[in-house]
Amino acid sequence: MSLERAERHHAAVTAELDEERAAVLRRVTRKVERARARVVELAASLDASGGEHAELLAEHRRAHAEAAELRWILCIQREAIGIYDHRWVDAVYPPLARR
């Protein structure tokens, strides 16, 4: 195999790997966004109910825990592909208030 052909194959494989890395981050990010939206929705419902609904509060806490775990998973995925600076995650997805 010529050097030029090997370089083309290497570039193609690298491009495919980069596409898969981006796809993984997109999937995790969508999950984080859905989970955070659910927490915000439940917080609004809690505010509307005066915060007295125990079942709603328990659901909010479960949703909050799930959102926090997904945010952590996003950071792990970023580290797995070599992105170690999580200031972007902190800026875009700051920790949500827990009730």
C-alpha atoms as a PDB file:
ATOM      1  CA  MET A   1       0.000   0.000   0.000  1.00  0.00           C
ATOM      2  CA  SER A   2       1.373   3.367  -0.961  1.00  0.00           C
ATOM      3  CA  LEU A   3       1.885   6.056   1.630  1.00  0.00           C
ATOM      4  CA  GLU A   4      -0.654   8.313  -0.088  1.00  0.00           C
ATOM      5  CA  ARG A   5      -3.321   5.597  -0.077  1.00  0.00           C
ATOM      6  CA  ALA A   6      -2.602   4.786   3.575  1.00  0.00           C
ATOM      7  CA  GLU A   7      -2.944   8.460   4.485  1.00  0.00           C
ATOM      8  CA  ARG A   8      -6.309   8.652   2.674  1.00  0.00           C
ATOM      9  CA  HIS A   9      -7.570   5.596   4.558  1.00  0.00           C
ATOM     10  CA  HIS A  10      -6.297   7.004   7.836  1.00  0.00           C
ATOM     11  CA  ALA A  11      -8.043  10.327   7.142  1.00  0.00           C
ATOM     12  CA  ALA A  12     -11.291   8.501   6.311  1.00  0.00           C
ATOM     13  CA  VAL A  13     -11.168   6.452   9.510  1.00  0.00           C
ATOM     14  CA  THR A  14     -10.316   9.539  11.564  1.00  0.00           C
ATOM     15  CA  ALA A  15     -13.257  11.427  10.038  1.00  0.00           C
ATOM     16  CA  GLU A  16     -15.589   8.526  10.808  1.00  0.00           C
ATOM     17  CA  LEU A  17     -14.370   8.383  14.414  1.00  0.00           C
ATOM     18  CA  ASP A  18     -14.867  12.144  14.782  1.00  0.00           C
ATOM     19  CA  GLU A  19     -18.430  11.815  13.475  1.00  0.00           C
ATOM     20  CA  GLU A  20     -19.158   9.085  16.010  1.00  0.00           C
ATOM     21  CA  ARG A  21     -17.656  11.143  18.842  1.00  0.00           C
ATOM     22  CA  ALA A  22     -19.866  14.071  17.870  1.00  0.00           C
ATOM     23  CA  ALA A  23     -22.919  11.790  17.677  1.00  0.00           C
ATOM     24  CA  VAL A  24     -22.268  10.458  21.177  1.00  0.00           C
ATOM     25  CA  LEU A  25     -21.980  13.978  22.575  1.00  0.00           C
ATOM     26  CA  ARG A  26     -25.195  15.007  20.779  1.00  0.00           C
ATOM     27  CA  ARG A  27     -27.109  12.059  22.250  1.00  0.00           C
ATOM     28  CA  VAL A  28     -25.906  12.722  25.789  1.00  0.00           C
ATOM     29  CA  THR A  29     -26.504  16.464  25.440  1.00  0.00           C
ATOM     30  CA  ARG A  30     -30.099  15.884  24.296  1.00  0.00           C
ATOM     31  CA  LYS A  31     -30.692  13.667  27.324  1.00  0.00           C
ATOM     32  CA  VAL A  32     -29.240  16.346  29.611  1.00  0.00           C
ATOM     33  CA  GLU A  33     -31.462  19.005  28.046  1.00  0.00           C
ATOM     34  CA  ARG A  34     -34.628  16.875  28.380  1.00  0.00           C
ATOM     35  CA  ALA A  35     -33.834  16.020  31.988  1.00  0.00           C
ATOM     36  CA  ARG A  36     -33.142  19.663  32.866  1.00  0.00           C
ATOM     37  CA  ALA A  37     -36.378  20.751  31.184  1.00  0.00           C
ATOM     38  CA  ARG A  38     -38.254  18.207  33.302  1.00  0.00           C
ATOM     39  CA  VAL A  39     -36.665  19.571  36.489  1.00  0.00           C
ATOM     40  CA  VAL A  40     -37.635  23.133  35.537  1.00  0.00           C
ATOM     41  CA  GLU A  41     -41.183  21.990  34.717  1.00  0.00           C
ATOM     42  CA  LEU A  42     -41.534  20.218  38.052  1.00  0.00           C
ATOM     43  CA  ALA A  43     -40.101  23.231  39.892  1.00  0.00           C
ATOM     44  CA  ALA A  44     -42.748  25.435  38.275  1.00  0.00           C
ATOM     45  CA  SER A  45     -45.439  22.965  39.304  1.00  0.00           C
ATOM     46  CA  LEU A  46     -44.066  22.971  42.847  1.00  0.00           C
ATOM     47  CA  ASP A  47     -44.115  26.759  42.927  1.00  0.00           C
ATOM     48  CA  ALA A  48     -47.701  26.781  41.669  1.00  0.00           C
ATOM     49  CA  SER A  49     -48.742  24.312  44.372  1.00  0.00           C
ATOM     50  CA  GLY A  50     -46.998  26.268  47.101  1.00  0.00           C
ATOM     51  CA  GLY A  51     -44.388  23.533  47.540  1.00  0.00           C
ATOM     52  CA  GLU A  52     -46.717  21.499  49.716  1.00  0.00           C
ATOM     53  CA  HIS A  53     -47.219  18.506  47.447  1.00  0.00           C
ATOM     54  CA  ALA A  54     -44.956  15.721  48.818  1.00  0.00           C
ATOM     55  CA  GLU A  55     -45.372  13.448  45.805  1.00  0.00           C
ATOM     56  CA  LEU A  56     -44.473  16.262  43.411  1.00  0.00           C
ATOM     57  CA  LEU A  57     -41.462  17.157  45.552  1.00  0.00           C
ATOM     58  CA  ALA A  58     -40.251  13.540  45.471  1.00  0.00           C
ATOM     59  CA  GLU A  59     -40.643  13.460  41.696  1.00  0.00           C
ATOM     60  CA  HIS A  60     -38.695  16.730  41.419  1.00  0.00           C
ATOM     61  CA  ARG A  61     -35.873  15.297  43.502  1.00  0.00           C
ATOM     62  CA  ARG A  62     -35.704  12.161  41.334  1.00  0.00           C
ATOM     63  CA  ALA A  63     -35.660  14.270  38.170  1.00  0.00           C
ATOM     64  CA  HIS A  64     -32.986  16.512  39.671  1.00  0.00           C
ATOM     65  CA  ALA A  65     -30.808  13.506  40.519  1.00  0.00           C
ATOM     66  CA  GLU A  66     -31.223  12.145  36.988  1.00  0.00           C
ATOM     67  CA  ALA A  67     -30.300  15.510  35.434  1.00  0.00           C
ATOM     68  CA  ALA A  68     -27.216  15.779  37.657  1.00  0.00           C
ATOM     69  CA  GLU A  69     -26.131  12.249  36.736  1.00  0.00           C
ATOM     70  CA  LEU A  70     -26.591  12.916  33.018  1.00  0.00           C
ATOM     71  CA  ARG A  71     -24.536  16.105  33.333  1.00  0.00           C
ATOM     72  CA  TRP A  72     -21.798  14.037  34.997  1.00  0.00           C
ATOM     73  CA  ILE A  73     -22.034  11.459  32.176  1.00  0.00           C
ATOM     74  CA  LEU A  74     -21.617  14.283  29.646  1.00  0.00           C
ATOM     75  CA  CYS A  75     -18.396  15.301  31.384  1.00  0.00           C
ATOM     76  CA  ILE A  76     -17.179  11.692  31.346  1.00  0.00           C
ATOM     77  CA  GLN A  77     -17.958  11.354  27.632  1.00  0.00           C
ATOM     78  CA  ARG A  78     -16.073  14.579  26.941  1.00  0.00           C
ATOM     79  CA  GLU A  79     -13.069  13.284  28.882  1.00  0.00           C
ATOM     80  CA  ALA A  80     -13.225   9.963  27.022  1.00  0.00           C
ATOM     81  CA  ILE A  81     -12.648  11.804  23.750  1.00  0.00           C
ATOM     82  CA  GLY A  82      -9.947  14.064  25.160  1.00  0.00           C
ATOM     83  CA  ILE A  83     -11.881  17.186  26.174  1.00  0.00           C
ATOM     84  CA  TYR A  84     -10.888  17.867  29.768  1.00  0.00           C
ATOM     85  CA  ASP A  85     -11.973  21.478  30.189  1.00  0.00           C
ATOM     86  CA  HIS A  86     -15.573  21.465  31.409  1.00  0.00           C
ATOM     87  CA  ARG A  87     -16.081  25.216  31.710  1.00  0.00           C
ATOM     88  CA  TRP A  88     -18.363  25.006  28.692  1.00  0.00           C
ATOM     89  CA  VAL A  89     -20.551  22.441  30.483  1.00  0.00           C
ATOM     90  CA  ASP A  90     -20.591  24.639  33.589  1.00  0.00           C
ATOM     91  CA  ALA A  91     -21.616  27.684  31.541  1.00  0.00           C
ATOM     92  CA  VAL A  92     -24.298  25.993  29.438  1.00  0.00           C
ATOM     93  CA  TYR A  93     -25.618  23.547  32.057  1.00  0.00           C
ATOM     94  CA  PRO A  94     -25.021  25.066  35.486  1.00  0.00           C
ATOM     95  CA  PRO A  95     -26.152  22.955  38.439  1.00  0.00           C
ATOM     96  CA  LEU A  96     -29.886  23.257  39.046  1.00  0.00           C
ATOM     97  CA  ALA A  97     -31.329  24.305  42.386  1.00  0.00           C
ATOM     98  CA  ARG A  98     -32.412  21.351  44.499  1.00  0.00           C
ATOM     99  CA  ARG A  99     -35.487  21.444  46.655  1.00  0.00           C
END
